[in-house]
């Protein structure tokens, strides 16, 4: 056997002892009669030569592969995939972890927050966080059509859990008329909050469907004729009330003329993370991805696979 062959054989033996037998580098050195430094070098050489091939047999390995594929396909800056065995709970917990990581950052920043059932479920998982250096601004109004507090607006719930300064939008998600929307959005205090949301470092938004069972209709913001008109115009989804088509382009006119929510923050300067899951959400998520309305995504493995397959 050549000298090179002997070196590879030694490297393979050291790698087997490390990765299969579970030996420490000191133990490998004792077994092979070499120094600890040589054992470390041999294991590294085995990796470099391609002798070692690691396979991680766990659902999260598949999730990480899906996340990497979606990032490449849609040019995402961020993507996390939860296993599909309990998608609703998994996505909510993963979203809660990401929100917590941002809130625990020491550097002051502004976080923008949307609305929706997934976001509300995630906020419920958060612990108390002391972060007075941060600001949290709502992207959507907190007023329901009947004048009460909108149930799925999450800012007030979040404010009970963190010490960051919070800035609600005292508006409906969708105003009754274009004139009313223009009147409320032109107020200096509202304009200031909308500017603040555009300067956020990160934004978390839900992704809603348009059509039968649409959240905007269930929550009373849109009527059935409103939804029918959006569907006829090609709408497939909505983010904070802004309806968009399969290409991710905002629908012209219709209810979009009455949306009082802040615009979706600029993806060039804000990491906009959308959270949604389920087969019924695939067209809406796909449209948001195609149009670059979001630059980050948290979903489950089944939904992620469907988004990769198209």
Protein backbone atom coordinates (compact mmCIF):
# COMPACT_ATOMS: atom_id res chain seq x y z
CA UNK A 1 0.00 0.00 0.00
CA UNK A 2 1.29 3.46 -0.85
CA UNK A 3 2.02 6.08 1.75
CA UNK A 4 -1.03 8.05 0.59
CA UNK A 5 -3.16 4.94 0.91
CA UNK A 6 -1.98 4.39 4.47
CA UNK A 7 -2.80 7.99 5.37
CA UNK A 8 -6.33 7.65 4.01
CA UNK A 9 -6.75 4.38 5.87
CA UNK A 10 -5.68 6.08 9.09
CA UNK A 11 -8.04 8.96 8.39
CA UNK A 12 -10.91 6.55 7.74
CA UNK A 13 -10.18 4.67 10.97
CA UNK A 14 -10.06 7.89 12.98
CA UNK A 15 -13.32 9.05 11.38
CA UNK A 16 -15.02 5.71 12.13
CA UNK A 17 -13.93 5.89 15.76
CA UNK A 18 -15.24 9.47 15.97
CA UNK A 19 -18.55 9.30 14.11
CA UNK A 20 -19.55 5.64 14.49
CA UNK A 21 -17.96 4.52 17.75
CA UNK A 22 -18.52 7.90 19.36
CA UNK A 23 -14.98 8.18 20.73
CA UNK A 24 -13.44 11.44 21.86
CA UNK A 25 -10.24 12.69 20.25
CA UNK A 26 -8.28 11.69 23.34
CA UNK A 27 -9.74 8.18 23.14
CA UNK A 28 -8.95 7.95 19.42
CA UNK A 29 -5.38 9.00 20.15
CA UNK A 30 -5.03 6.25 22.76
CA UNK A 31 -6.54 3.56 20.54
CA UNK A 32 -4.44 4.47 17.51
CA UNK A 33 -1.26 5.32 19.42
CA UNK A 34 -1.06 8.86 18.09
CA UNK A 35 -1.22 12.33 19.56
CA UNK A 36 -4.52 14.15 20.13
CA UNK A 37 -3.51 16.73 17.52
CA UNK A 38 -2.87 13.99 14.95
CA UNK A 39 -6.23 12.40 15.71
CA UNK A 40 -7.94 15.74 15.17
CA UNK A 41 -6.07 16.23 11.89
CA UNK A 42 -6.98 12.76 10.63
CA UNK A 43 -10.71 13.28 11.31
CA UNK A 44 -10.57 16.63 9.49
CA UNK A 45 -8.74 14.96 6.58
CA UNK A 46 -11.45 12.31 6.32
CA UNK A 47 -14.05 15.04 6.02
CA UNK A 48 -12.00 16.88 3.39
CA UNK A 49 -11.46 13.71 1.32
CA UNK A 50 -15.18 12.94 1.26
CA UNK A 51 -14.72 9.72 3.23
CA UNK A 52 -17.27 10.87 5.80
CA UNK A 53 -20.86 11.24 4.58
CA UNK A 54 -23.23 12.39 7.29
CA UNK A 55 -26.94 11.59 7.08
CA UNK A 56 -29.31 13.13 9.60
CA UNK A 57 -32.40 10.97 9.84
CA UNK A 58 -34.87 13.40 11.43
CA UNK A 59 -37.86 15.40 10.15
CA UNK A 60 -36.00 18.65 10.78
CA UNK A 61 -33.37 17.67 8.21
CA UNK A 62 -36.14 17.53 5.58
CA UNK A 63 -37.47 20.86 6.86
CA UNK A 64 -34.07 22.48 6.50
CA UNK A 65 -33.76 21.17 2.94
CA UNK A 66 -37.17 22.63 2.09
CA UNK A 67 -36.23 25.97 3.65
CA UNK A 68 -33.01 26.13 1.63
CA UNK A 69 -34.90 25.26 -1.56
CA UNK A 70 -37.50 27.97 -0.99
CA UNK A 71 -34.81 30.54 -0.25
CA UNK A 72 -33.09 29.74 -3.53
CA UNK A 73 -36.29 29.63 -5.59
CA UNK A 74 -37.80 32.88 -4.33
CA UNK A 75 -34.70 34.79 -3.24
CA UNK A 76 -35.78 34.84 0.39
CA UNK A 77 -33.59 36.34 3.08
CA UNK A 78 -35.13 34.08 5.74
CA UNK A 79 -37.09 30.84 5.80
CA UNK A 80 -37.98 28.33 8.50
CA UNK A 81 -40.09 25.20 8.07
CA UNK A 82 -41.92 23.36 10.85
CA UNK A 83 -42.70 19.61 10.66
CA UNK A 84 -46.18 18.81 9.36
CA UNK A 85 -47.28 16.48 12.15
CA UNK A 86 -48.90 19.42 13.99
CA UNK A 87 -48.60 22.32 11.53
CA UNK A 88 -50.68 24.90 13.37
CA UNK A 89 -48.85 24.48 16.67
CA UNK A 90 -45.48 24.00 14.99
CA UNK A 91 -45.68 27.16 12.88
CA UNK A 92 -46.95 29.20 15.85
CA UNK A 93 -44.12 27.99 18.11
CA UNK A 94 -41.50 28.61 15.44
CA UNK A 95 -42.88 32.10 14.82
CA UNK A 96 -42.88 32.80 18.57
CA UNK A 97 -39.21 31.79 18.77
CA UNK A 98 -38.26 34.13 15.93
CA UNK A 99 -40.20 37.06 17.43
CA UNK A 100 -38.55 36.42 20.80
CA UNK A 101 -35.09 36.37 19.23
CA UNK A 102 -35.69 39.79 17.69
CA UNK A 103 -37.10 41.25 20.92
CA UNK A 104 -34.09 40.02 22.91
CA UNK A 105 -31.65 41.92 20.70
CA UNK A 106 -29.74 44.58 22.61
CA UNK A 107 -29.60 47.11 19.77
CA UNK A 108 -32.74 49.31 19.67
CA UNK A 109 -34.99 48.61 16.69
CA UNK A 110 -38.54 49.02 15.46
CA UNK A 111 -40.68 45.95 14.88
CA UNK A 112 -43.85 46.14 12.78
CA UNK A 113 -46.62 43.66 13.45
CA UNK A 114 -49.61 42.63 11.36
CA UNK A 115 -52.62 40.63 12.37
CA UNK A 116 -54.15 37.19 12.02
CA UNK A 117 -54.79 33.90 13.70
CA UNK A 118 -51.28 32.49 13.32
CA UNK A 119 -49.73 35.64 14.76
CA UNK A 120 -52.16 35.60 17.67
CA UNK A 121 -51.30 31.96 18.41
CA UNK A 122 -47.59 32.79 18.31
CA UNK A 123 -47.90 35.76 20.65
CA UNK A 124 -49.67 33.53 23.17
CA UNK A 125 -46.48 31.42 23.38
CA UNK A 126 -44.19 34.30 24.31
CA UNK A 127 -42.77 34.75 27.82
CA UNK A 128 -42.43 38.13 29.49
CA UNK A 129 -39.59 40.02 27.78
CA UNK A 130 -37.97 43.15 29.17
CA UNK A 131 -37.00 45.18 26.09
CA UNK A 132 -37.76 48.90 26.64
CA UNK A 133 -35.18 49.81 23.99
CA UNK A 134 -37.46 48.62 21.19
CA UNK A 135 -40.59 50.01 19.53
CA UNK A 136 -43.47 47.90 18.19
CA UNK A 137 -45.85 49.49 15.72
CA UNK A 138 -49.02 47.98 14.32
CA UNK A 139 -49.42 47.71 10.56
CA UNK A 140 -53.19 47.36 10.84
CA UNK A 141 -55.98 49.18 12.61
CA UNK A 142 -57.31 47.96 15.93
CA UNK A 143 -60.97 48.87 15.37
CA UNK A 144 -63.51 46.25 14.30
CA UNK A 145 -66.45 47.17 12.03
CA UNK A 146 -68.77 47.52 15.05
CA UNK A 147 -66.37 49.91 16.80
CA UNK A 148 -64.98 47.33 19.24
CA UNK A 149 -61.34 46.25 19.45
CA UNK A 150 -60.44 43.97 16.53
CA UNK A 151 -60.05 40.47 18.00
CA UNK A 152 -57.14 39.36 15.84
CA UNK A 153 -55.12 42.56 16.25
CA UNK A 154 -52.19 41.25 18.28
CA UNK A 155 -50.47 44.45 19.41
CA UNK A 156 -52.40 44.81 22.67
CA UNK A 157 -51.73 41.18 23.62
CA UNK A 158 -48.06 41.65 22.80
CA UNK A 159 -47.95 44.85 24.86
CA UNK A 160 -49.01 42.87 27.93
CA UNK A 161 -46.00 40.58 27.54
CA UNK A 162 -43.14 42.94 26.64
CA UNK A 163 -41.93 46.28 27.93
CA UNK A 164 -41.21 47.72 24.49
CA UNK A 165 -43.11 50.87 23.60
CA UNK A 166 -46.13 50.00 21.47
CA UNK A 167 -47.85 52.16 18.87
CA UNK A 168 -51.34 51.03 17.78
CA UNK A 169 -53.13 52.36 14.70
CA UNK A 170 -56.53 53.67 15.91
CA UNK A 171 -58.19 52.78 12.61
CA UNK A 172 -60.25 50.04 10.99
CA UNK A 173 -58.38 47.61 8.72
CA UNK A 174 -60.65 48.68 5.87
CA UNK A 175 -62.60 51.95 6.04
CA UNK A 176 -66.27 52.10 5.05
CA UNK A 177 -65.52 54.53 2.22
CA UNK A 178 -62.61 56.00 0.29
CA UNK A 179 -63.35 59.43 1.75
CA UNK A 180 -63.14 58.13 5.31
CA UNK A 181 -59.91 56.31 4.58
CA UNK A 182 -58.38 59.48 3.14
CA UNK A 183 -59.56 61.49 6.12
CA UNK A 184 -58.09 59.22 8.80
CA UNK A 185 -54.84 58.44 6.98
CA UNK A 186 -54.10 62.13 6.45
CA UNK A 187 -54.05 62.87 10.18
CA UNK A 188 -50.50 63.86 11.31
CA UNK A 189 -50.45 61.30 14.11
CA UNK A 190 -51.40 58.49 11.72
CA UNK A 191 -48.91 59.63 9.08
CA UNK A 192 -46.20 59.52 11.76
CA UNK A 193 -47.05 55.91 12.67
CA UNK A 194 -47.11 54.87 9.01
CA UNK A 195 -43.66 56.39 8.53
CA UNK A 196 -42.47 54.51 11.62
CA UNK A 197 -43.71 51.19 10.21
CA UNK A 198 -41.84 51.86 6.95
CA UNK A 199 -38.61 52.20 8.96
CA UNK A 200 -38.99 48.87 10.82
CA UNK A 201 -36.08 46.45 10.87
CA UNK A 202 -38.45 43.48 10.82
CA UNK A 203 -42.16 42.97 10.22
CA UNK A 204 -44.30 39.92 10.98
CA UNK A 205 -47.47 39.47 8.93
CA UNK A 206 -50.15 36.88 8.40
CA UNK A 207 -51.18 35.81 4.90
CA UNK A 208 -54.91 35.56 4.31
CA UNK A 209 -56.99 33.91 1.62
CA UNK A 210 -59.48 35.67 -0.61
CA UNK A 211 -62.69 33.85 -1.38
CA UNK A 212 -64.88 31.50 0.63
CA UNK A 213 -64.02 31.71 4.32
CA UNK A 214 -61.72 34.70 3.85
CA UNK A 215 -60.68 36.21 7.21
CA UNK A 216 -61.60 39.71 6.07
CA UNK A 217 -65.17 38.57 5.49
CA UNK A 218 -65.39 36.42 8.63
CA UNK A 219 -64.20 39.37 10.70
CA UNK A 220 -66.73 41.70 9.08
CA UNK A 221 -64.41 44.00 7.17
CA UNK A 222 -65.63 42.97 3.72
CA UNK A 223 -69.00 41.86 2.38
CA UNK A 224 -69.58 38.92 0.05
CA UNK A 225 -69.97 41.25 -2.96
CA UNK A 226 -66.64 42.88 -2.02
CA UNK A 227 -64.95 39.49 -2.01
CA UNK A 228 -66.63 38.42 -5.23
CA UNK A 229 -65.29 41.54 -6.91
CA UNK A 230 -61.77 40.83 -5.67
CA UNK A 231 -61.89 37.24 -6.91
CA UNK A 232 -63.17 38.41 -10.30
CA UNK A 233 -60.21 40.80 -10.45
CA UNK A 234 -57.83 37.89 -9.87
CA UNK A 235 -57.09 38.31 -6.16
CA UNK A 236 -55.65 35.23 -4.43
CA UNK A 237 -54.50 36.58 -1.08
CA UNK A 238 -54.20 39.53 1.25
CA UNK A 239 -51.67 40.89 3.72
CA UNK A 240 -52.94 43.36 6.34
CA UNK A 241 -55.97 43.94 4.10
CA UNK A 242 -54.03 44.60 0.89
CA UNK A 243 -55.35 42.18 -1.75
CA UNK A 244 -53.02 40.90 -4.48
CA UNK A 245 -53.14 38.57 -7.47
CA UNK A 246 -51.22 35.40 -8.37
CA UNK A 247 -48.23 37.47 -9.50
CA UNK A 248 -48.15 39.34 -6.22
CA UNK A 249 -49.36 42.60 -7.75
CA UNK A 250 -51.80 44.63 -5.64
CA UNK A 251 -55.29 44.64 -7.12
CA UNK A 252 -56.17 48.06 -8.53
CA UNK A 253 -59.14 49.80 -6.93
CA UNK A 254 -61.97 47.89 -5.21
CA UNK A 255 -61.41 47.36 -1.48
CA UNK A 256 -57.72 48.29 -1.78
CA UNK A 257 -58.86 51.90 -2.18
CA UNK A 258 -60.36 51.67 1.32
CA UNK A 259 -57.52 49.88 3.13
CA UNK A 260 -56.50 52.04 6.08
CA UNK A 261 -53.61 49.75 7.10
CA UNK A 262 -50.05 50.93 6.62
CA UNK A 263 -48.43 49.79 3.37
CA UNK A 264 -46.43 46.58 3.55
CA UNK A 265 -42.95 47.79 4.63
CA UNK A 266 -40.29 48.08 1.91
CA UNK A 267 -38.55 44.72 1.54
CA UNK A 268 -35.32 46.49 0.55
CA UNK A 269 -34.88 47.75 4.13
CA UNK A 270 -37.30 45.64 6.21
CA UNK A 271 -37.25 41.87 6.67
CA UNK A 272 -40.94 41.12 6.11
CA UNK A 273 -41.69 37.64 7.45
CA UNK A 274 -44.98 36.05 6.44
CA UNK A 275 -46.40 33.19 8.50
CA UNK A 276 -49.08 30.86 7.14
CA UNK A 277 -49.73 27.17 6.56
CA UNK A 278 -52.21 24.79 4.96
CA UNK A 279 -53.17 23.70 1.46
CA UNK A 280 -55.82 26.42 1.21
CA UNK A 281 -53.11 29.04 1.80
CA UNK A 282 -50.73 27.84 -0.94
CA UNK A 283 -52.04 30.17 -3.73
CA UNK A 284 -51.91 33.16 -1.38
CA UNK A 285 -48.40 32.36 -0.13
CA UNK A 286 -47.18 31.65 -3.66
CA UNK A 287 -48.50 34.99 -4.89
CA UNK A 288 -46.80 36.84 -2.03
CA UNK A 289 -43.53 35.06 -2.81
CA UNK A 290 -43.72 35.66 -6.55
CA UNK A 291 -44.42 39.35 -6.08
CA UNK A 292 -41.76 39.85 -3.43
CA UNK A 293 -44.36 41.07 -0.95
CA UNK A 294 -42.51 39.13 1.75
CA UNK A 295 -38.78 38.49 2.13
CA UNK A 296 -39.12 35.78 4.78
CA UNK A 297 -41.44 32.83 5.35
CA UNK A 298 -42.43 30.54 8.21
CA UNK A 299 -44.64 27.61 7.22
CA UNK A 300 -44.93 23.83 7.60
CA UNK A 301 -43.28 21.08 5.56
CA UNK A 302 -46.35 20.09 3.54
CA UNK A 303 -47.01 23.68 2.53
CA UNK A 304 -43.34 24.25 1.79
CA UNK A 305 -43.20 21.19 -0.45
CA UNK A 306 -46.27 22.39 -2.38
CA UNK A 307 -44.62 25.79 -2.89
CA UNK A 308 -41.48 24.13 -4.22
CA UNK A 309 -43.38 21.82 -6.55
CA UNK A 310 -45.07 24.44 -8.73
